[in-house]
Amino acid sequence: MSDVFILGAGFSRAVAHEMPLLADLSAAVRSKVNIAEPKTFLDSFGDNIEMVLTYLSQSHPWLAEAENLRNRALFLELSSAVGDVLLDAMRKAAERPCPQWLQSLIQHWETTRAHVITLNYDTLVESAASLGRGVGSEAFVPGLLPEEYYPFPMAPLNRWWDEFRDIDSPRSSFRLFKLHGSVNWLYSGSAASLAETVYYAAGDNIWSQFEHRFVGPSDKIPLIVPPIADKVGYFQHPHVRGIWRDAAAALRSASKVFCLGYSLPVLDITMRFFLGRNHPTGTTPFFLVDLCNLENHFREILQPAGVYELNTQYIEKPDPIPNLVKTLVDNAEAL
């Protein structure tokens, strides 16, 4: 049994204050799109990018097919804008060194072979994992590569390290399940191809090689599942379905669950069922780690399952995530 860590937007915000929460994301996407029609949609849905993407992603029976297709095109444009906003935020985050607590957390995950479930599209975790340890010493440990922590093999897209790094026998590591895809996972974007190859490009080393990021062919776009209420269409891709299945298996065998900066939005019905239906056997500690008090919200959603024992010692405290990491590193038995 391994510990499971669930990462939300609040986790990325703890790494770098430039990383957007939902309200910030909505405002930033609005500024990225320069034509009038998307802004009209944003206005009609209260400037909530989650709601507008939900509406645009679906085919509505009261609309003509031409209008549904126009909505689909607008949905893709706004989805790309979401990716652009995150890339801008990551570029600013890369201007400062990687936080030491994040590197310590990566090492803890690697040592304990933790299962990490993230709802984030950014590559902050991958970038921290790519940093080596013990630079300048005989005990130098090279950074991890995606093949060592992604649960499924993915085709590299002209990786700069391909020529000199042999990973035929990767060392044991944590597993990173990116349920909503990633800005550095590339595919055609076509709704007609359900089993096409997903490539990963650069961008998982922003603190050391940011100039190599996201270099790829013009016919590929990031595979990201926008924060919409209905994600069923995206789950037809076997790569995405496989990640969710393996993440569910990891959750069912969890010894402890740590929820870092994830608020479990009301609209995300899929995640509510995912957590409620894939719980471990017996009572399992569920640590809420957030600046906000989400106890009642999570208790209402998870308590009917009767298996999660909510722990609230890391909510509404200064720097809750770095403080949890310190305890994990210094005295994990105390948790």
Protein backbone atom coordinates (compact mmCIF):
# COMPACT_ATOMS: atom_id res chain seq x y z
CA MET A 1 0.00 0.00 0.00
CA SER A 2 1.21 3.50 -0.84
CA ASP A 3 0.17 6.98 0.14
CA VAL A 4 -1.90 8.86 -2.43
CA PHE A 5 -1.49 12.58 -3.04
CA ILE A 6 -4.20 14.55 -4.86
CA LEU A 7 -3.01 17.86 -6.32
CA GLY A 8 -5.23 20.77 -7.29
CA ALA A 9 -4.68 24.32 -8.48
CA GLY A 10 -3.84 25.40 -4.93
CA PHE A 11 -0.78 23.14 -5.04
CA SER A 12 0.60 24.89 -8.12
CA ARG A 13 -0.21 28.26 -6.53
CA ALA A 14 1.86 27.22 -3.50
CA VAL A 15 4.78 26.46 -5.84
CA ALA A 16 4.49 29.80 -7.65
CA HIS A 17 2.07 32.62 -6.93
CA GLU A 18 1.69 33.25 -10.68
CA MET A 19 -0.13 29.94 -11.20
CA PRO A 20 -3.84 30.70 -11.63
CA LEU A 21 -6.81 29.52 -9.62
CA LEU A 22 -10.17 29.24 -11.42
CA ALA A 23 -11.11 32.91 -11.06
CA ASP A 24 -7.65 33.99 -12.23
CA LEU A 25 -7.81 31.54 -15.12
CA SER A 26 -11.16 32.93 -16.27
CA ALA A 27 -9.87 36.50 -16.29
CA ALA A 28 -6.61 35.58 -18.00
CA VAL A 29 -8.33 33.56 -20.75
CA ARG A 30 -10.64 36.49 -21.38
CA SER A 31 -7.65 38.76 -21.97
CA LYS A 32 -6.04 36.20 -24.30
CA VAL A 33 -8.99 36.00 -26.71
CA ASN A 34 -9.22 39.00 -29.00
CA ILE A 35 -12.52 38.45 -30.78
CA ALA A 36 -15.88 39.60 -29.45
CA GLU A 37 -17.90 36.37 -29.50
CA PRO A 38 -16.05 34.47 -26.73
CA LYS A 39 -16.29 37.49 -24.46
CA THR A 40 -20.04 37.54 -25.00
CA PHE A 41 -20.18 33.91 -23.86
CA LEU A 42 -18.04 34.69 -20.82
CA ASP A 43 -20.36 37.56 -19.90
CA SER A 44 -23.46 35.38 -20.20
CA PHE A 45 -22.01 32.76 -17.84
CA GLY A 46 -20.83 35.18 -15.20
CA ASP A 47 -17.22 35.20 -16.42
CA ASN A 48 -16.78 31.56 -15.32
CA ILE A 49 -14.55 29.75 -17.81
CA GLU A 50 -15.62 26.37 -16.41
CA MET A 51 -19.26 27.03 -17.23
CA VAL A 52 -18.64 28.50 -20.67
CA LEU A 53 -16.42 25.57 -21.71
CA THR A 54 -19.06 23.15 -20.46
CA TYR A 55 -21.68 24.79 -22.66
CA LEU A 56 -19.47 25.05 -25.75
CA SER A 57 -18.21 21.47 -25.51
CA GLN A 58 -21.67 19.93 -25.83
CA SER A 59 -23.91 19.47 -28.85
CA HIS A 60 -27.30 21.03 -28.01
CA PRO A 61 -30.46 19.67 -29.68
CA TRP A 62 -32.06 23.11 -30.08
CA LEU A 63 -29.16 24.37 -32.21
CA ALA A 64 -28.54 23.80 -35.90
CA GLU A 65 -25.55 21.60 -36.70
CA ALA A 66 -23.68 24.58 -38.11
CA GLU A 67 -24.05 26.44 -34.82
CA ASN A 68 -22.94 23.42 -32.78
CA LEU A 69 -19.83 23.21 -34.96
CA ARG A 70 -19.12 26.89 -34.42
CA ASN A 71 -19.40 26.28 -30.68
CA ARG A 72 -16.95 23.40 -31.01
CA ALA A 73 -14.47 25.68 -32.80
CA LEU A 74 -14.85 28.31 -30.10
CA PHE A 75 -14.38 25.65 -27.44
CA LEU A 76 -11.06 24.60 -29.01
CA GLU A 77 -9.92 28.21 -29.21
CA LEU A 78 -10.68 28.87 -25.56
CA SER A 79 -9.07 25.55 -24.57
CA SER A 80 -5.88 26.62 -26.34
CA ALA A 81 -6.05 29.91 -24.49
CA VAL A 82 -6.15 27.99 -21.20
CA GLY A 83 -2.88 26.33 -22.22
CA ASP A 84 -1.33 29.66 -23.21
CA VAL A 85 -2.21 31.18 -19.84
CA LEU A 86 -0.50 28.31 -18.03
CA LEU A 87 2.61 28.55 -20.21
CA ASP A 88 2.89 32.26 -19.41
CA ALA A 89 2.56 31.51 -15.69
CA MET A 90 5.18 28.76 -15.86
CA ARG A 91 7.59 31.07 -17.68
CA LYS A 92 7.32 33.56 -14.82
CA ALA A 93 7.67 30.79 -12.22
CA ALA A 94 10.89 29.64 -13.92
CA GLU A 95 12.50 33.01 -13.21
CA ARG A 96 12.97 31.86 -9.61
CA PRO A 97 14.62 28.65 -8.36
CA CYS A 98 12.47 25.62 -7.70
CA PRO A 99 11.23 25.76 -4.08
CA GLN A 100 13.23 23.53 -1.78
CA TRP A 101 10.08 22.07 -0.22
CA LEU A 102 8.92 20.86 -3.66
CA GLN A 103 12.25 19.11 -4.27
CA SER A 104 11.96 17.52 -0.82
CA LEU A 105 8.44 16.35 -1.62
CA ILE A 106 9.58 14.80 -4.92
CA GLN A 107 12.32 12.92 -3.05
CA HIS A 108 9.78 11.72 -0.48
CA TRP A 109 7.47 10.51 -3.25
CA GLU A 110 10.35 8.71 -4.94
CA THR A 111 11.52 7.05 -1.73
CA THR A 112 8.04 5.89 -0.72
CA ARG A 113 6.88 5.13 -4.28
CA ALA A 114 3.83 7.29 -3.72
CA HIS A 115 0.93 7.59 -6.14
CA VAL A 116 0.31 11.19 -7.18
CA ILE A 117 -3.01 12.14 -8.78
CA THR A 118 -3.07 15.63 -10.24
CA LEU A 119 -5.85 17.68 -11.83
CA ASN A 120 -3.33 20.25 -13.07
CA TYR A 121 -2.13 20.69 -16.66
CA ASP A 122 1.18 22.34 -15.80
CA THR A 123 4.54 20.58 -15.60
CA LEU A 124 5.79 21.91 -12.26
CA VAL A 125 6.00 18.41 -10.74
CA GLU A 126 7.83 17.02 -13.77
CA SER A 127 10.23 19.97 -13.76
CA ALA A 128 11.07 19.50 -10.09
CA ALA A 129 11.57 15.78 -10.70
CA SER A 130 14.02 16.50 -13.51
CA LEU A 131 16.43 18.31 -11.17
CA GLY A 132 19.37 16.21 -10.05
CA ARG A 133 20.50 15.90 -6.44
CA GLY A 134 23.98 16.30 -5.01
CA VAL A 135 25.39 18.41 -7.84
CA GLY A 136 29.19 18.47 -7.75
CA SER A 137 29.49 15.42 -5.50
CA GLU A 138 30.27 11.78 -6.10
CA ALA A 139 26.80 10.95 -4.77
CA PHE A 140 25.09 12.87 -7.58
CA VAL A 141 21.67 11.41 -8.46
CA PRO A 142 20.35 12.39 -11.89
CA GLY A 143 16.85 13.75 -12.21
CA LEU A 144 13.90 11.60 -13.19
CA LEU A 145 12.62 11.36 -16.74
CA PRO A 146 8.94 11.03 -17.71
CA GLU A 147 9.36 7.34 -18.55
CA GLU A 148 10.14 6.74 -14.89
CA TYR A 149 6.96 8.20 -13.40
CA TYR A 150 4.28 8.33 -16.12
CA PRO A 151 2.10 5.21 -15.75
CA PHE A 152 2.05 4.48 -19.50
CA PRO A 153 4.78 4.75 -22.12
CA MET A 154 4.46 7.79 -24.36
CA ALA A 155 6.31 8.58 -27.56
CA PRO A 156 8.97 11.27 -27.01
CA LEU A 157 8.93 14.15 -29.50
CA ASN A 158 12.56 15.03 -30.36
CA ARG A 159 13.69 15.00 -26.75
CA TRP A 160 17.03 16.75 -26.23
CA TRP A 161 18.28 14.01 -23.87
CA ASP A 162 17.49 11.04 -26.14
CA GLU A 163 21.05 10.76 -27.39
CA PHE A 164 22.77 10.20 -24.06
CA ARG A 165 20.31 8.86 -21.49
CA ASP A 166 19.59 5.12 -21.36
CA ILE A 167 16.38 4.35 -19.48
CA ASP A 168 15.95 0.68 -20.33
CA SER A 169 15.96 -0.09 -16.61
CA PRO A 170 14.53 2.96 -14.84
CA ARG A 171 14.84 3.09 -11.07
CA SER A 172 11.72 2.73 -8.97
CA SER A 173 9.87 5.99 -8.62
CA PHE A 174 6.57 7.57 -7.76
CA ARG A 175 3.71 7.39 -10.26
CA LEU A 176 2.16 10.56 -11.64
CA PHE A 177 -1.42 10.31 -12.92
CA LYS A 178 -2.38 13.46 -14.83
CA LEU A 179 -6.13 12.93 -15.04
CA HIS A 180 -6.78 16.09 -17.05
CA GLY A 181 -3.86 15.74 -19.45
CA SER A 182 -0.90 18.08 -19.71
CA VAL A 183 0.31 21.07 -21.66
CA ASN A 184 3.28 19.01 -22.88
CA TRP A 185 1.19 16.06 -24.12
CA LEU A 186 0.53 16.55 -27.81
CA TYR A 187 -2.07 15.09 -30.19
CA SER A 188 -3.97 16.19 -33.27
CA GLY A 189 -7.02 17.55 -31.44
CA SER A 190 -9.33 15.63 -33.74
CA ALA A 191 -12.52 14.25 -32.20
CA ALA A 192 -12.57 11.50 -34.82
CA SER A 193 -9.34 9.76 -33.80
CA LEU A 194 -9.87 8.01 -30.47
CA ALA A 195 -6.69 5.94 -30.32
CA GLU A 196 -4.01 8.10 -31.91
CA THR A 197 -0.50 8.35 -30.49
CA VAL A 198 0.02 10.89 -27.71
CA TYR A 199 3.49 12.46 -27.71
CA TYR A 200 5.19 14.41 -25.00
CA ALA A 201 7.41 17.36 -25.81
CA ALA A 202 9.79 19.44 -23.73
CA GLY A 203 8.54 21.57 -20.87
CA ASP A 204 9.19 19.19 -18.00
CA ASN A 205 12.43 20.96 -17.07
CA ILE A 206 11.47 24.63 -16.77
CA TRP A 207 14.00 25.42 -14.06
CA SER A 208 16.98 24.27 -16.15
CA GLN A 209 16.06 24.10 -19.85
CA PHE A 210 13.06 26.35 -20.37
CA GLU A 211 14.26 27.36 -23.83
CA HIS A 212 13.55 23.79 -25.02
CA ARG A 213 9.92 23.85 -24.00
CA PHE A 214 7.05 22.71 -26.16
CA VAL A 215 8.87 22.49 -29.47
CA GLY A 216 6.69 20.43 -31.75
CA PRO A 217 5.01 20.22 -35.14
CA SER A 218 2.30 22.71 -35.99
CA ASP A 219 -0.30 19.96 -36.48
CA LYS A 220 -0.30 19.04 -32.77
CA ILE A 221 -2.02 20.69 -29.82
CA PRO A 222 -1.85 19.98 -26.06
CA LEU A 223 -4.03 17.16 -24.78
CA ILE A 224 -5.80 18.92 -21.94
CA VAL A 225 -9.24 18.18 -20.55
CA PRO A 226 -10.58 21.65 -19.68
CA PRO A 227 -12.32 22.17 -16.33
CA ILE A 228 -15.77 21.27 -17.63
CA ALA A 229 -18.62 19.46 -15.92
CA ASP A 230 -19.00 16.84 -18.66
CA LYS A 231 -15.72 15.21 -19.74
CA VAL A 232 -17.20 12.03 -21.22
CA GLY A 233 -15.99 12.72 -24.76
CA TYR A 234 -12.38 12.97 -23.63
CA PHE A 235 -12.56 9.66 -21.80
CA GLN A 236 -12.89 7.73 -25.07
CA HIS A 237 -9.14 7.97 -25.66
CA PRO A 238 -7.55 4.76 -24.30
CA HIS A 239 -4.56 6.67 -22.91
CA VAL A 240 -6.81 8.88 -20.77
CA ARG A 241 -9.05 5.97 -19.73
CA GLY A 242 -6.03 3.90 -18.73
CA ILE A 243 -4.67 6.66 -16.52
CA TRP A 244 -8.01 6.99 -14.72
CA ARG A 245 -8.28 3.23 -14.21
CA ASP A 246 -4.79 2.95 -12.73
CA ALA A 247 -5.35 6.02 -10.56
CA ALA A 248 -8.57 4.44 -9.25
CA ALA A 249 -6.67 1.26 -8.37
CA ALA A 250 -4.05 3.33 -6.54
CA LEU A 251 -6.75 5.13 -4.56
CA ARG A 252 -8.43 1.85 -3.57
CA SER A 253 -5.17 0.62 -2.06
CA ALA A 254 -4.16 3.89 -0.37
CA SER A 255 -2.87 3.81 3.21
CA LYS A 256 -3.34 7.58 3.55
CA VAL A 257 -4.70 10.25 1.19
CA PHE A 258 -3.29 13.79 1.11
CA CYS A 259 -5.40 16.38 -0.72
CA LEU A 260 -3.13 19.34 -1.51
CA GLY A 261 -4.79 22.52 -2.72
CA TYR A 262 -7.78 20.81 -4.34
CA SER A 263 -11.24 22.15 -3.54
CA LEU A 264 -13.33 19.47 -5.34
CA PRO A 265 -15.52 21.88 -7.35
CA VAL A 266 -19.25 21.18 -7.26
CA LEU A 267 -19.37 20.96 -11.06
CA ASP A 268 -16.72 18.23 -11.21
CA ILE A 269 -19.15 15.35 -10.85
CA THR A 270 -16.60 12.90 -12.26
CA MET A 271 -14.11 13.54 -9.45
CA ARG A 272 -16.84 13.34 -6.80
CA PHE A 273 -17.78 9.85 -7.99
CA PHE A 274 -14.10 8.94 -8.48
CA LEU A 275 -13.29 9.67 -4.83
CA GLY A 276 -16.53 8.26 -3.45
CA ARG A 277 -16.56 5.02 -5.45
CA ASN A 278 -12.86 4.12 -5.32
CA HIS A 279 -12.24 4.41 -1.61
CA PRO A 280 -9.94 2.00 0.22
CA THR A 281 -11.26 -0.81 2.38
CA GLY A 282 -11.62 0.27 5.99
CA THR A 283 -11.12 3.70 7.52
CA THR A 284 -8.44 5.74 5.74
CA PRO A 285 -6.97 9.09 6.91
CA PHE A 286 -7.80 11.85 4.41
CA PHE A 287 -5.67 14.95 5.01
CA LEU A 288 -7.07 18.29 3.82
CA VAL A 289 -4.15 20.64 3.13
CA ASP A 290 -5.36 24.07 2.07
CA LEU A 291 -5.47 27.72 3.04
CA CYS A 292 -9.29 27.55 3.03
CA ASN A 293 -11.52 25.60 5.39
CA LEU A 294 -13.05 22.93 3.15
CA GLU A 295 -13.96 20.51 5.92
CA ASN A 296 -17.75 20.79 5.63
CA HIS A 297 -17.59 20.65 1.83
CA PHE A 298 -15.55 17.45 1.79
CA ARG A 299 -17.45 15.92 4.69
CA GLU A 300 -20.75 16.37 2.83
CA ILE A 301 -19.35 14.73 -0.31
CA LEU A 302 -17.17 11.99 1.17
CA GLN A 303 -18.76 11.12 4.48
CA PRO A 304 -21.57 8.98 2.96
CA ALA A 305 -18.85 6.57 1.86
CA GLY A 306 -18.02 6.17 5.55
CA VAL A 307 -14.38 5.24 4.97
CA TYR A 308 -12.44 8.51 4.94
CA GLU A 309 -11.38 9.97 8.25
CA LEU A 310 -10.95 13.68 7.57
CA ASN A 311 -7.85 15.26 9.11
CA THR A 312 -7.98 19.07 9.27
CA GLN A 313 -4.73 19.96 11.05
CA TYR A 314 -3.34 21.52 7.84
CA ILE A 315 -6.21 23.82 6.87
CA GLU A 316 -6.41 27.56 7.45
CA LYS A 317 -2.74 27.64 8.50
CA PRO A 318 0.11 29.67 6.94
CA ASP A 319 1.97 27.75 4.21
CA PRO A 320 0.05 24.51 4.81
CA ILE A 321 1.64 22.52 1.96
CA PRO A 322 5.31 23.32 2.78
CA ASN A 323 4.55 22.61 6.46
CA LEU A 324 3.07 19.22 5.61
CA VAL A 325 6.15 18.42 3.51
CA LYS A 326 8.40 19.28 6.45
CA THR A 327 6.50 16.80 8.62
CA LEU A 328 6.63 14.13 5.91
CA VAL A 329 10.39 14.53 5.61
CA ASP A 330 11.24 14.98 9.31
CA ASN A 331 8.68 12.82 11.09
CA ALA A 332 6.28 11.01 8.75
CA GLU A 333 5.33 8.56 11.52
CA ALA A 334 3.58 11.41 13.33
CA LEU A 335 0.90 11.57 10.63
